[in-house]
N, C-alpha and C. Protein backbone atom coordinates (compact mmCIF):
# COMPACT_ATOMS: atom_id res chain seq x y z
N UNK A 1 0.89 -1.22 0.04
CA UNK A 1 -0.06 -0.03 -0.06
C UNK A 1 0.90 1.11 0.02
N UNK A 2 0.44 2.30 -0.83
CA UNK A 2 1.33 3.41 -0.84
C UNK A 2 0.91 4.45 0.31
N UNK A 3 1.80 4.93 1.17
CA UNK A 3 1.55 5.74 2.17
C UNK A 3 1.79 7.26 1.80
N UNK A 4 0.69 8.00 1.99
CA UNK A 4 0.70 9.53 1.51
C UNK A 4 1.28 10.18 2.87
N UNK A 5 2.39 10.92 2.77
CA UNK A 5 2.84 11.60 3.96
C UNK A 5 1.99 12.81 4.48
N UNK A 6 1.28 13.44 3.35
CA UNK A 6 0.32 14.56 3.82
C UNK A 6 -0.78 14.08 4.52
N UNK A 7 -1.32 12.75 4.33
CA UNK A 7 -2.31 12.33 5.18
C UNK A 7 -1.88 11.93 6.56
N UNK A 8 -0.63 11.51 6.73
CA UNK A 8 -0.12 11.18 8.02
C UNK A 8 0.02 12.47 8.83
N UNK A 9 0.29 13.51 8.30
CA UNK A 9 0.32 14.86 8.95
C UNK A 9 -0.91 15.35 9.38
N UNK A 10 -1.88 15.05 8.61
CA UNK A 10 -3.36 15.45 9.02
C UNK A 10 -3.78 14.69 10.29
N UNK A 11 -3.55 13.38 10.22
CA UNK A 11 -3.97 12.42 11.43
C UNK A 11 -3.28 12.96 12.63
N UNK A 12 -1.91 13.22 12.55
CA UNK A 12 -1.07 13.73 13.64
C UNK A 12 -1.59 15.11 14.30
N UNK A 13 -2.09 15.98 13.39
CA UNK A 13 -2.64 17.21 13.86
C UNK A 13 -3.86 17.13 14.52
N UNK A 14 -4.83 16.12 14.06
CA UNK A 14 -6.06 16.02 14.77
C UNK A 14 -5.74 15.44 16.10
N UNK A 15 -4.92 14.37 16.10
CA UNK A 15 -4.60 13.90 17.57
C UNK A 15 -4.04 14.89 18.52
N UNK A 16 -3.15 15.68 18.13
CA UNK A 16 -2.59 16.71 18.89
C UNK A 16 -3.65 17.69 19.38
N UNK A 17 -4.61 18.06 18.47
CA UNK A 17 -5.72 19.15 18.78
C UNK A 17 -6.61 18.49 19.76
N UNK A 18 -6.98 17.15 19.70
CA UNK A 18 -7.76 16.53 20.59
C UNK A 18 -7.36 16.51 22.09
N UNK A 19 -5.98 16.50 22.17
CA UNK A 19 -5.51 16.52 23.58
C UNK A 19 -5.62 17.66 24.27
N UNK A 20 -5.81 18.83 23.56
CA UNK A 20 -6.02 20.12 24.28
C UNK A 20 -7.46 20.50 24.54
N UNK A 21 -8.41 19.63 24.06
CA UNK A 21 -9.81 19.92 24.30
C UNK A 21 -10.20 19.58 25.73
N UNK A 22 -11.21 20.35 26.46
CA UNK A 22 -11.64 19.83 27.74
C UNK A 22 -12.34 18.57 27.56
N UNK A 23 -12.34 17.67 28.54
CA UNK A 23 -13.03 16.49 28.57
C UNK A 23 -14.29 16.54 29.43
N UNK A 24 -15.40 16.10 28.77
CA UNK A 24 -16.77 16.15 29.42
C UNK A 24 -17.12 14.59 29.76
N UNK A 25 -17.85 14.58 30.89
CA UNK A 25 -18.41 13.21 31.37
C UNK A 25 -19.93 13.41 31.23
N UNK A 26 -20.41 13.03 30.05
CA UNK A 26 -21.82 13.17 29.68
C UNK A 26 -22.72 12.23 30.53
N UNK A 27 -22.07 11.21 31.16
CA UNK A 27 -22.95 10.25 31.81
C UNK A 27 -23.23 10.69 33.15
N UNK A 28 -22.50 11.67 33.83
CA UNK A 28 -22.87 12.23 35.16
C UNK A 28 -23.75 13.36 35.05
N UNK A 29 -24.74 13.51 35.70
CA UNK A 29 -25.71 14.70 35.79
C UNK A 29 -25.08 15.77 36.47
N UNK A 30 -25.32 17.06 36.19
CA UNK A 30 -24.63 18.27 36.89
C UNK A 30 -25.20 18.18 38.33
N UNK A 31 -24.30 18.59 39.19
CA UNK A 31 -24.52 18.68 40.58
C UNK A 31 -25.57 19.84 40.94
N UNK A 32 -26.48 19.59 41.72
CA UNK A 32 -27.46 20.75 42.19
C UNK A 32 -27.45 20.65 43.75
N UNK A 33 -27.14 21.95 44.25
CA UNK A 33 -27.27 22.02 45.81
C UNK A 33 -28.57 21.71 46.32
N UNK A 34 -28.49 20.94 47.21
CA UNK A 34 -29.79 20.51 47.92
C UNK A 34 -29.83 21.32 49.36
N UNK A 35 -31.05 21.51 49.93
CA UNK A 35 -31.17 22.16 51.24
C UNK A 35 -30.54 21.10 52.31
N UNK A 36 -30.01 21.64 53.38
CA UNK A 36 -29.38 20.70 54.32
C UNK A 36 -30.37 19.65 54.67
N UNK A 37 -30.08 18.54 55.00
CA UNK A 37 -31.00 17.41 55.29
C UNK A 37 -31.36 17.45 56.69
N UNK A 38 -30.59 18.37 57.48
CA UNK A 38 -31.07 18.52 58.98
C UNK A 38 -32.19 19.42 59.18
N UNK A 39 -32.63 20.14 58.07
CA UNK A 39 -33.79 21.05 58.42
C UNK A 39 -35.01 20.18 58.66
N UNK A 40 -35.92 20.77 59.57
CA UNK A 40 -36.98 20.00 59.80
C UNK A 40 -38.23 21.04 59.99
N UNK A 41 -39.45 20.33 59.76
CA UNK A 41 -40.81 21.24 59.84
C UNK A 41 -41.00 21.35 61.40
N UNK A 42 -41.14 22.58 61.91
CA UNK A 42 -41.17 22.76 63.30
C UNK A 42 -42.80 22.99 63.68
N UNK A 43 -43.16 22.57 64.80
CA UNK A 43 -44.60 22.83 65.41
C UNK A 43 -44.68 24.34 65.63
N UNK A 44 -45.94 24.76 65.56
CA UNK A 44 -46.25 26.21 65.72
C UNK A 44 -46.64 26.37 67.32
N UNK A 45 -45.65 26.04 68.17
CA UNK A 45 -45.81 26.13 69.74
C UNK A 45 -44.80 26.95 70.12
N UNK A 46 -45.17 27.83 71.28
CA UNK A 46 -44.28 28.73 71.89
C UNK A 46 -43.73 28.12 73.20
N UNK A 47 -42.60 27.60 73.11
CA UNK A 47 -41.90 27.17 74.35
C UNK A 47 -40.42 27.60 74.19
N UNK A 48 -40.15 28.92 74.47
CA UNK A 48 -38.88 29.55 74.21
C UNK A 48 -37.74 28.93 74.75
N UNK A 49 -36.59 28.93 74.14
CA UNK A 49 -35.39 28.54 74.55
C UNK A 49 -34.28 29.49 74.16
N UNK A 50 -33.27 29.64 74.92
CA UNK A 50 -32.24 30.77 74.72
C UNK A 50 -31.11 29.85 74.23
N UNK A 51 -30.48 30.52 73.08
CA UNK A 51 -29.29 29.91 72.45
C UNK A 51 -28.04 30.56 72.97
N UNK A 52 -26.94 29.91 72.78
CA UNK A 52 -25.61 30.49 73.19
C UNK A 52 -25.25 31.67 72.37
N UNK A 53 -25.91 32.07 71.32
CA UNK A 53 -25.74 33.19 70.46
C UNK A 53 -26.46 34.49 71.11
N UNK A 54 -27.11 34.17 72.21
CA UNK A 54 -27.96 35.42 72.80
C UNK A 54 -29.36 35.50 72.27
N UNK A 55 -29.82 34.68 71.37
CA UNK A 55 -31.11 34.85 70.71
C UNK A 55 -32.18 33.90 71.37
N UNK A 56 -33.38 34.38 71.47
CA UNK A 56 -34.53 33.61 71.91
C UNK A 56 -35.12 33.03 70.71
N UNK A 57 -35.27 31.66 70.86
CA UNK A 57 -36.01 30.90 69.76
C UNK A 57 -37.41 30.46 70.28
N UNK A 58 -38.36 30.27 69.25
CA UNK A 58 -39.71 30.05 69.66
C UNK A 58 -39.91 28.60 70.41
N UNK A 59 -39.04 27.78 69.85
CA UNK A 59 -38.94 26.35 70.53
C UNK A 59 -37.62 25.76 70.16
N UNK A 60 -37.33 24.68 70.71
CA UNK A 60 -36.06 23.95 70.45
C UNK A 60 -35.91 23.52 69.00
N UNK A 61 -37.00 23.21 68.30
CA UNK A 61 -36.77 22.82 66.98
C UNK A 61 -36.29 24.03 66.15
N UNK A 62 -36.84 25.27 66.42
CA UNK A 62 -36.42 26.34 65.63
C UNK A 62 -34.88 26.64 65.95
N UNK A 63 -34.41 26.47 67.15
CA UNK A 63 -33.00 26.49 67.41
C UNK A 63 -32.15 25.60 66.72
N UNK A 64 -32.68 24.24 66.48
CA UNK A 64 -31.97 23.22 65.75
C UNK A 64 -31.83 23.69 64.34
N UNK A 65 -33.01 24.17 63.75
CA UNK A 65 -32.88 24.70 62.26
C UNK A 65 -31.89 25.78 62.12
N UNK A 66 -31.92 26.70 63.17
CA UNK A 66 -30.84 27.74 63.01
C UNK A 66 -29.36 27.11 63.07
N UNK A 67 -29.20 26.22 63.89
CA UNK A 67 -27.86 25.63 64.00
C UNK A 67 -27.63 24.83 62.70
N UNK A 68 -28.65 24.28 61.98
CA UNK A 68 -28.45 23.67 60.81
C UNK A 68 -28.12 24.50 59.58
N UNK A 69 -28.65 25.77 59.65
CA UNK A 69 -28.44 26.62 58.49
C UNK A 69 -27.00 27.34 58.56
N UNK A 70 -26.50 27.52 59.87
CA UNK A 70 -25.31 28.31 60.01
C UNK A 70 -24.45 27.85 60.88
N UNK A 71 -23.65 28.72 61.71
CA UNK A 71 -22.87 28.33 62.88
C UNK A 71 -23.54 27.50 63.93
N UNK A 72 -23.05 26.50 64.53
CA UNK A 72 -23.80 25.72 65.52
C UNK A 72 -24.30 26.55 66.75
N UNK A 73 -25.41 26.34 67.09
CA UNK A 73 -26.26 27.03 68.09
C UNK A 73 -26.54 26.00 69.05
N UNK A 74 -26.17 26.23 70.46
CA UNK A 74 -26.57 25.31 71.53
C UNK A 74 -27.42 26.03 72.50
N UNK A 75 -28.52 25.19 72.99
CA UNK A 75 -29.38 25.66 73.97
C UNK A 75 -28.58 25.89 75.30
N UNK A 76 -28.97 27.02 75.97
CA UNK A 76 -28.22 27.37 77.30
C UNK A 76 -29.33 27.48 78.31
N UNK A 77 -30.59 27.64 77.97
CA UNK A 77 -31.55 27.81 79.01
C UNK A 77 -33.02 27.47 78.34
N UNK A 78 -33.92 26.96 79.17
CA UNK A 78 -35.28 26.49 78.80
C UNK A 78 -36.40 27.65 78.78
N UNK A 79 -35.77 28.95 78.49
CA UNK A 79 -36.65 30.00 78.64
C UNK A 79 -36.09 31.16 77.77
N UNK A 80 -36.69 32.30 77.72
CA UNK A 80 -36.11 33.31 76.98
C UNK A 80 -34.82 33.86 77.48
N UNK A 81 -34.01 34.41 76.56
CA UNK A 81 -32.61 34.79 76.98
C UNK A 81 -33.01 36.23 77.81
N UNK A 82 -32.12 36.49 78.78
CA UNK A 82 -32.22 37.77 79.56
C UNK A 82 -32.17 38.83 78.69
N UNK A 83 -32.89 39.92 78.99
CA UNK A 83 -33.04 41.10 78.23
C UNK A 83 -31.81 42.07 78.44
N UNK A 84 -31.32 42.59 77.43
CA UNK A 84 -30.13 43.51 77.66
C UNK A 84 -30.66 44.86 78.45
N UNK A 85 -29.87 45.40 79.39
CA UNK A 85 -30.23 46.48 80.12
C UNK A 85 -29.48 47.71 79.69
N UNK A 86 -28.87 47.73 78.52
CA UNK A 86 -28.14 48.90 78.00
C UNK A 86 -28.73 49.90 77.29
N UNK A 87 -30.22 49.86 77.16
CA UNK A 87 -30.98 50.61 76.36
C UNK A 87 -30.91 52.06 76.90
N UNK A 88 -30.73 53.01 75.98
CA UNK A 88 -30.57 54.33 76.27
C UNK A 88 -31.93 55.06 76.52
N UNK A 89 -32.22 55.49 77.65
CA UNK A 89 -33.32 56.08 78.11
C UNK A 89 -33.19 57.66 78.19
N UNK A 90 -34.10 58.45 77.65
CA UNK A 90 -33.86 59.89 77.77
C UNK A 90 -34.09 60.27 79.20
N UNK A 91 -33.22 61.30 79.43
CA UNK A 91 -33.38 62.00 80.96
C UNK A 91 -34.46 62.95 81.02
N UNK A 92 -34.58 63.66 79.76
CA UNK A 92 -35.61 64.68 79.70
C UNK A 92 -36.09 64.88 78.22
N UNK A 93 -37.31 65.36 78.21
CA UNK A 93 -38.01 65.32 76.76
C UNK A 93 -38.38 66.91 76.53
N UNK A 94 -38.44 67.33 75.31
CA UNK A 94 -38.90 68.62 74.88
C UNK A 94 -40.40 68.62 75.29
N UNK A 95 -40.75 69.83 75.34
CA UNK A 95 -42.33 70.15 75.80
C UNK A 95 -43.13 70.37 74.69
N UNK A 96 -42.70 70.07 73.38
CA UNK A 96 -43.43 70.39 72.21
C UNK A 96 -44.59 69.30 72.14
N UNK A 97 -45.79 69.67 71.57
CA UNK A 97 -46.79 68.74 71.53
C UNK A 97 -46.95 68.09 70.13
N UNK A 98 -46.51 66.94 70.02
CA UNK A 98 -46.67 66.22 68.81
C UNK A 98 -47.03 64.82 69.14
N UNK A 99 -48.11 64.62 69.60
CA UNK A 99 -48.75 63.43 70.26
C UNK A 99 -48.55 62.12 69.26
N UNK A 100 -48.31 60.98 69.99
CA UNK A 100 -48.39 59.71 69.41
C UNK A 100 -49.17 58.83 70.15
N UNK A 101 -49.54 57.76 69.58
CA UNK A 101 -50.42 56.66 70.13
C UNK A 101 -49.55 55.44 70.36
N UNK A 102 -49.58 54.97 71.76
CA UNK A 102 -48.70 53.71 72.04
C UNK A 102 -49.72 52.51 71.83
N UNK A 103 -49.18 51.25 71.87
CA UNK A 103 -49.83 50.11 71.81
C UNK A 103 -50.58 49.79 73.10
N UNK A 104 -50.37 50.57 74.20
CA UNK A 104 -51.10 50.45 75.44
C UNK A 104 -52.33 51.19 75.41
N UNK A 105 -52.61 51.90 74.35
CA UNK A 105 -53.75 52.74 74.28
C UNK A 105 -53.61 54.15 74.86
N UNK A 106 -52.50 54.47 75.46
CA UNK A 106 -52.11 55.74 75.94
C UNK A 106 -51.61 56.83 74.93
N UNK A 107 -52.11 58.07 74.93
CA UNK A 107 -51.57 59.08 73.99
C UNK A 107 -50.30 59.75 74.80
N UNK A 108 -49.19 59.88 74.07
CA UNK A 108 -48.13 60.40 74.70
C UNK A 108 -47.86 61.78 74.00
N UNK A 109 -47.39 62.77 74.76
CA UNK A 109 -47.19 64.22 74.15
C UNK A 109 -46.21 64.20 73.01
N UNK A 110 -45.32 63.41 73.03
CA UNK A 110 -44.39 63.26 71.77
C UNK A 110 -43.76 62.07 71.99
N UNK A 111 -42.97 61.86 70.87
CA UNK A 111 -42.15 60.27 70.76
C UNK A 111 -41.23 60.18 71.82
N UNK A 112 -40.54 61.21 72.26
CA UNK A 112 -39.62 61.07 73.35
C UNK A 112 -40.14 60.58 74.49
N UNK A 113 -41.39 61.10 74.90
CA UNK A 113 -42.07 60.63 76.11
C UNK A 113 -42.55 59.22 76.10
N UNK A 114 -42.75 58.83 74.75
CA UNK A 114 -43.23 57.37 74.62
C UNK A 114 -42.01 56.54 74.80
N UNK A 115 -40.86 56.90 74.35
CA UNK A 115 -39.60 56.21 74.51
C UNK A 115 -39.24 56.06 75.97
N UNK A 116 -39.49 57.12 76.64
CA UNK A 116 -39.22 57.02 78.03
C UNK A 116 -39.96 56.13 78.78
N UNK A 117 -41.36 56.06 78.39
CA UNK A 117 -42.19 55.05 78.95
C UNK A 117 -41.71 53.46 78.59
N UNK A 118 -41.30 53.45 77.36
CA UNK A 118 -40.87 52.23 76.81
C UNK A 118 -39.68 51.66 77.55
N UNK A 119 -38.88 52.48 78.22
CA UNK A 119 -37.84 51.92 79.12
C UNK A 119 -38.23 51.25 80.23
N UNK A 120 -39.36 51.61 80.70
CA UNK A 120 -39.91 50.86 81.91
C UNK A 120 -40.88 49.65 81.39
N UNK A 121 -41.29 49.74 80.15
CA UNK A 121 -42.09 48.64 79.65
C UNK A 121 -41.66 48.43 78.26
N UNK A 122 -40.70 47.45 78.03
CA UNK A 122 -40.23 47.06 76.90
C UNK A 122 -41.11 46.57 75.83
N UNK A 123 -42.36 46.30 76.21
CA UNK A 123 -43.34 45.91 75.21
C UNK A 123 -43.98 46.93 74.60
N UNK A 124 -43.69 48.17 75.03
CA UNK A 124 -44.42 49.40 74.42
C UNK A 124 -43.81 49.93 73.29
N UNK A 125 -44.57 50.27 72.14
CA UNK A 125 -44.17 50.80 70.99
C UNK A 125 -45.19 51.83 70.51
N UNK A 126 -44.80 52.49 69.45
CA UNK A 126 -45.81 53.49 68.90
C UNK A 126 -46.52 52.80 67.75
N UNK A 127 -47.93 52.98 67.81
CA UNK A 127 -48.74 52.41 66.68
C UNK A 127 -49.14 53.44 65.67
N UNK A 128 -49.17 54.80 66.11
CA UNK A 128 -49.74 55.69 65.08
C UNK A 128 -49.40 57.03 65.62
N UNK A 129 -49.14 58.01 64.76
CA UNK A 129 -48.94 59.40 65.00
C UNK A 129 -50.25 60.13 65.42
N UNK A 130 -50.23 60.93 66.39
CA UNK A 130 -51.51 61.64 66.84
C UNK A 130 -52.12 60.91 68.05
N UNK A 131 -53.22 61.47 68.70
CA UNK A 131 -53.82 60.92 69.72
C UNK A 131 -54.40 59.61 69.49
N UNK A 132 -54.44 58.72 70.45
CA UNK A 132 -55.20 57.38 70.25
C UNK A 132 -56.65 57.86 70.00
N UNK A 133 -57.31 56.92 69.34
CA UNK A 133 -58.70 57.14 68.98
C UNK A 133 -59.59 57.04 70.20
N UNK A 134 -60.49 57.88 70.47
CA UNK A 134 -61.20 57.83 71.71
C UNK A 134 -60.85 58.64 72.88
N UNK A 135 -59.60 59.34 72.63
CA UNK A 135 -59.12 60.25 73.81
C UNK A 135 -59.15 61.65 73.29
N UNK A 136 -59.26 62.55 74.02
CA UNK A 136 -59.27 63.96 73.88
C UNK A 136 -57.84 64.51 73.69
N UNK A 137 -57.72 65.41 72.72
CA UNK A 137 -56.39 65.94 72.34
C UNK A 137 -55.59 66.37 73.74
N UNK A 138 -54.29 66.07 73.80
CA UNK A 138 -53.61 66.47 74.94
C UNK A 138 -53.79 65.54 76.13
N UNK A 139 -54.50 64.57 75.89
CA UNK A 139 -54.65 63.70 77.09
C UNK A 139 -53.56 62.56 77.09
N UNK A 140 -52.45 63.10 77.64
CA UNK A 140 -51.16 62.08 77.43
C UNK A 140 -50.63 61.53 78.75
N UNK A 141 -49.93 60.48 78.38
CA UNK A 141 -49.36 59.77 79.56
C UNK A 141 -48.16 60.70 80.09
N UNK A 142 -47.73 60.52 81.35
CA UNK A 142 -46.67 61.42 81.79
C UNK A 142 -45.24 60.95 81.27
N UNK A 143 -44.38 61.95 81.11
CA UNK A 143 -42.97 61.62 80.55
C UNK A 143 -42.05 61.98 81.76
N UNK A 144 -40.66 62.15 81.34
CA UNK A 144 -39.53 62.40 82.34
C UNK A 144 -39.75 63.72 83.09
N UNK A 145 -40.33 64.67 82.40
CA UNK A 145 -40.48 65.99 83.09
C UNK A 145 -41.81 66.39 83.20
N UNK A 146 -42.85 65.42 83.24
CA UNK A 146 -44.15 65.82 83.53
C UNK A 146 -44.36 65.71 85.01
N UNK A 147 -45.32 66.64 85.39
CA UNK A 147 -45.73 66.63 86.78
C UNK A 147 -47.25 66.45 87.00
N UNK A 148 -47.97 66.49 85.73
CA UNK A 148 -49.38 66.47 85.82
C UNK A 148 -49.83 64.95 86.04
N UNK A 149 -51.07 64.83 86.42
CA UNK A 149 -51.65 63.47 86.62
C UNK A 149 -52.49 63.15 85.44
N UNK A 150 -52.43 61.95 84.86
CA UNK A 150 -53.17 61.51 83.77
C UNK A 150 -53.77 60.18 84.05
N UNK A 151 -54.74 59.86 83.11
CA UNK A 151 -55.44 58.59 83.21
C UNK A 151 -55.31 57.77 81.96
N UNK A 152 -55.42 56.36 82.18
CA UNK A 152 -55.30 55.45 81.07
C UNK A 152 -56.63 55.77 80.15
N UNK A 153 -56.54 55.54 78.83
CA UNK A 153 -57.75 55.58 77.91
C UNK A 153 -58.49 54.22 78.05
N UNK A 154 -57.99 53.28 78.87
CA UNK A 154 -58.64 52.00 79.04
C UNK A 154 -59.93 52.37 79.94
N UNK A 155 -59.70 53.02 81.16
CA UNK A 155 -60.69 53.20 82.10
C UNK A 155 -60.23 54.35 82.97
N UNK A 156 -60.79 54.38 84.14
CA UNK A 156 -60.49 55.68 84.92
C UNK A 156 -59.31 55.21 85.95
N UNK A 157 -58.49 54.29 85.68
CA UNK A 157 -57.47 53.83 86.43
C UNK A 157 -56.11 54.59 86.15
N UNK A 158 -55.28 54.93 87.00
CA UNK A 158 -54.04 55.53 86.39
C UNK A 158 -53.43 54.69 85.34
N UNK A 159 -52.76 55.40 84.59
CA UNK A 159 -52.17 54.83 83.35
C UNK A 159 -51.10 53.72 83.73
N UNK A 160 -50.46 53.74 84.85
CA UNK A 160 -49.59 52.73 85.16
C UNK A 160 -50.10 51.39 85.63
N UNK A 161 -51.36 51.38 85.79
CA UNK A 161 -52.04 50.15 86.29
C UNK A 161 -52.83 49.49 85.14
N UNK A 162 -52.83 48.15 85.14
CA UNK A 162 -53.69 47.40 84.25
C UNK A 162 -54.65 46.57 85.15
N UNK A 163 -55.94 46.73 84.68
CA UNK A 163 -56.95 45.89 85.50
C UNK A 163 -57.81 45.10 84.52
N UNK A 164 -58.38 43.97 85.09
CA UNK A 164 -58.96 43.13 84.35
C UNK A 164 -60.04 43.68 83.22
N UNK A 165 -60.57 44.70 83.57
CA UNK A 165 -61.62 45.43 82.63
C UNK A 165 -60.95 46.31 81.68
N UNK A 166 -59.70 46.34 81.61
CA UNK A 166 -58.93 47.28 80.74
C UNK A 166 -59.31 47.06 79.26
N UNK A 167 -59.02 45.86 78.83
CA UNK A 167 -59.27 45.70 77.43
C UNK A 167 -60.85 45.76 77.03
N UNK A 168 -61.78 45.48 77.88
CA UNK A 168 -63.07 45.48 77.58
C UNK A 168 -63.66 46.94 77.25
N UNK A 169 -62.94 48.02 77.82
CA UNK A 169 -63.33 49.20 77.57
C UNK A 169 -62.23 49.86 76.51
N UNK A 170 -61.50 49.04 75.86
CA UNK A 170 -60.35 49.59 74.94
C UNK A 170 -61.05 50.14 73.65
N UNK A 171 -60.93 51.47 73.46
CA UNK A 171 -61.53 52.17 72.28
C UNK A 171 -60.80 52.19 71.16
N UNK A 172 -59.31 52.34 71.13
CA UNK A 172 -58.55 52.46 69.84
C UNK A 172 -58.71 51.22 68.94
N UNK A 173 -58.36 51.64 67.79
CA UNK A 173 -58.33 50.45 66.70
C UNK A 173 -57.33 49.46 67.00
N UNK A 174 -57.52 48.19 66.71
CA UNK A 174 -56.61 47.13 67.07
C UNK A 174 -55.42 47.24 66.30
N UNK A 175 -54.15 46.87 66.94
CA UNK A 175 -52.97 46.89 66.18
C UNK A 175 -52.98 46.09 64.92
N UNK A 176 -52.39 46.74 63.80
CA UNK A 176 -52.38 45.94 62.51
C UNK A 176 -51.07 45.15 62.32
N UNK A 177 -50.06 45.62 62.89
CA UNK A 177 -48.82 45.01 62.97
C UNK A 177 -48.09 44.89 64.23
N UNK A 178 -47.54 43.86 64.50
CA UNK A 178 -46.71 43.61 65.91
C UNK A 178 -45.33 43.23 65.69
N UNK A 179 -44.43 43.79 66.64
CA UNK A 179 -43.04 43.44 66.44
C UNK A 179 -42.78 41.96 66.50
N UNK A 180 -41.82 41.47 66.12
CA UNK A 180 -41.35 40.00 66.20
C UNK A 180 -40.58 39.66 67.27
N UNK A 181 -40.27 40.71 68.16
CA UNK A 181 -39.47 40.44 69.41
C UNK A 181 -40.24 39.60 70.29
N UNK A 182 -39.52 38.67 71.07
CA UNK A 182 -40.14 37.73 72.02
C UNK A 182 -40.11 38.25 73.43
N UNK A 183 -41.06 38.84 73.88
CA UNK A 183 -41.21 39.30 75.30
C UNK A 183 -42.57 38.72 75.69
N UNK A 184 -42.52 37.34 76.13
CA UNK A 184 -43.77 36.73 76.38
C UNK A 184 -44.63 37.26 77.63
N UNK A 185 -45.90 37.24 77.41
CA UNK A 185 -46.79 37.66 78.49
C UNK A 185 -47.86 36.48 78.47
N UNK A 186 -48.44 36.41 79.68
CA UNK A 186 -49.61 35.27 80.00
C UNK A 186 -50.91 35.83 79.94
N UNK A 187 -51.89 35.41 79.15
CA UNK A 187 -53.15 35.89 79.16
C UNK A 187 -54.03 35.15 80.26
N UNK A 188 -55.15 35.80 80.65
CA UNK A 188 -55.97 35.21 81.67
C UNK A 188 -56.81 33.92 81.17
N UNK A 189 -56.46 33.74 79.84
CA UNK A 189 -57.01 32.36 79.26
C UNK A 189 -56.10 31.29 79.09
N UNK A 190 -54.96 31.49 79.83
CA UNK A 190 -53.82 30.41 80.04
C UNK A 190 -52.97 30.36 78.89
N UNK A 191 -53.12 31.32 77.87
CA UNK A 191 -52.34 31.19 76.68
C UNK A 191 -51.17 32.16 76.77
N UNK A 192 -50.01 31.66 76.33
CA UNK A 192 -48.72 32.51 76.33
C UNK A 192 -48.73 33.24 74.98
N UNK A 193 -48.47 34.44 74.95
CA UNK A 193 -48.51 35.39 73.69
C UNK A 193 -47.16 35.81 73.60
N UNK A 194 -46.57 36.01 72.35
CA UNK A 194 -45.30 36.20 71.96
C UNK A 194 -44.80 37.74 72.66
N UNK A 195 -45.70 38.58 72.72
CA UNK A 195 -45.61 39.81 73.17
C UNK A 195 -46.90 40.55 73.63
N UNK A 196 -46.89 41.67 74.18
CA UNK A 196 -48.09 42.27 74.58
C UNK A 196 -48.89 42.74 73.51
N UNK A 197 -48.24 43.05 72.40
CA UNK A 197 -48.98 43.50 71.13
C UNK A 197 -49.95 42.41 70.69
N UNK A 198 -49.36 41.13 70.68
CA UNK A 198 -50.11 40.01 70.12
C UNK A 198 -51.32 39.73 70.99
N UNK A 199 -51.13 39.87 72.33
CA UNK A 199 -52.21 39.67 73.21
C UNK A 199 -53.23 40.67 73.09
N UNK A 200 -52.83 42.10 72.73
CA UNK A 200 -53.84 43.19 72.54
C UNK A 200 -54.58 42.89 71.25
N UNK A 201 -53.99 42.22 70.24
CA UNK A 201 -54.71 41.80 68.98
C UNK A 201 -55.66 40.71 69.34
N UNK A 202 -55.38 39.86 70.27
CA UNK A 202 -56.40 38.72 70.57
C UNK A 202 -57.44 39.38 71.42
N UNK A 203 -57.17 40.27 72.18
CA UNK A 203 -58.16 40.88 73.21
C UNK A 203 -59.17 41.78 72.40
N UNK A 204 -58.66 42.28 71.23
CA UNK A 204 -59.76 42.89 70.28
C UNK A 204 -60.80 41.91 69.82
N UNK A 205 -60.52 40.64 69.72
CA UNK A 205 -61.64 39.64 69.28
C UNK A 205 -62.14 39.25 70.51
N UNK A 206 -61.52 39.30 71.69
CA UNK A 206 -62.15 38.60 72.87
C UNK A 206 -62.01 39.79 74.06
N UNK A 207 -63.08 40.55 74.16
CA UNK A 207 -62.84 41.71 75.19
C UNK A 207 -62.64 41.27 76.68
N UNK A 208 -62.95 40.00 76.86
CA UNK A 208 -62.63 39.60 78.33
C UNK A 208 -61.28 39.27 78.63
N UNK A 209 -60.43 39.30 77.64
CA UNK A 209 -58.92 38.79 77.60
C UNK A 209 -58.11 39.94 78.33
N UNK A 210 -57.23 39.62 79.18
CA UNK A 210 -56.41 40.66 79.69
C UNK A 210 -54.95 39.96 79.95
N UNK A 211 -54.05 40.79 80.22
CA UNK A 211 -52.69 40.07 80.71
C UNK A 211 -52.74 39.84 82.09
N UNK A 212 -52.38 38.59 82.37
CA UNK A 212 -52.44 38.09 83.79
C UNK A 212 -51.00 38.17 84.42
N UNK A 213 -50.04 38.03 83.61
CA UNK A 213 -48.57 37.92 84.25
C UNK A 213 -47.65 38.17 83.04
N UNK A 214 -46.47 38.68 83.52
CA UNK A 214 -45.38 38.74 82.52
C UNK A 214 -44.78 37.31 82.38
N UNK A 215 -44.21 37.08 81.32
CA UNK A 215 -43.49 35.81 80.96
C UNK A 215 -44.47 34.80 80.55
N UNK A 216 -44.04 33.59 80.49
CA UNK A 216 -44.99 32.42 79.95
C UNK A 216 -45.81 31.88 81.04
N UNK A 217 -47.02 31.34 80.53
CA UNK A 217 -47.96 31.02 81.53
C UNK A 217 -47.30 29.68 82.15
N UNK A 218 -47.87 29.39 83.27
CA UNK A 218 -47.43 28.14 84.00
C UNK A 218 -46.08 28.12 84.63
């Protein structure tokens, strides 16, 4: 057989070129990242536990899921974590009248005075600008520089006192949004609520409901 040198050069060039091409394994499917197998569906129950990251979790299952997603979290207590006491509270407030309504149903003369009250009651927050519905303008709760006496919009009891009849005479509109912070309170129905705002929402549907104690029931 006659050998053509040109044909041999073509074969050699094809072999050399194929060595430089990337190799593909078409038999293996592309890898797809799957969610961690340790994640689990958690029950909707409030049994707070404290993690070593300083965070309060709704229950131990939620803590385990957090540990599954990121850095390992370990339970350090079977209740909510201790609240930080480094919150800056105003020593004095301006006397300007720009009333705001708190989730406790009280009207405050301005936002500074609401923040002052929130230092004594961490569950307190602003729900609206202006006076609370059902209160007369200027009927506000006392602030750091106030010397006047005021009364709660719930009843004729001083604003610092909550009575069982408080929510039954609650006139302002029900809260539409509540903070996600976990500051549990116990209702007189034996249910633990995530915070006082969520209890207030439930009390709008059940006027006989009121806060029986701070913290979880039982």
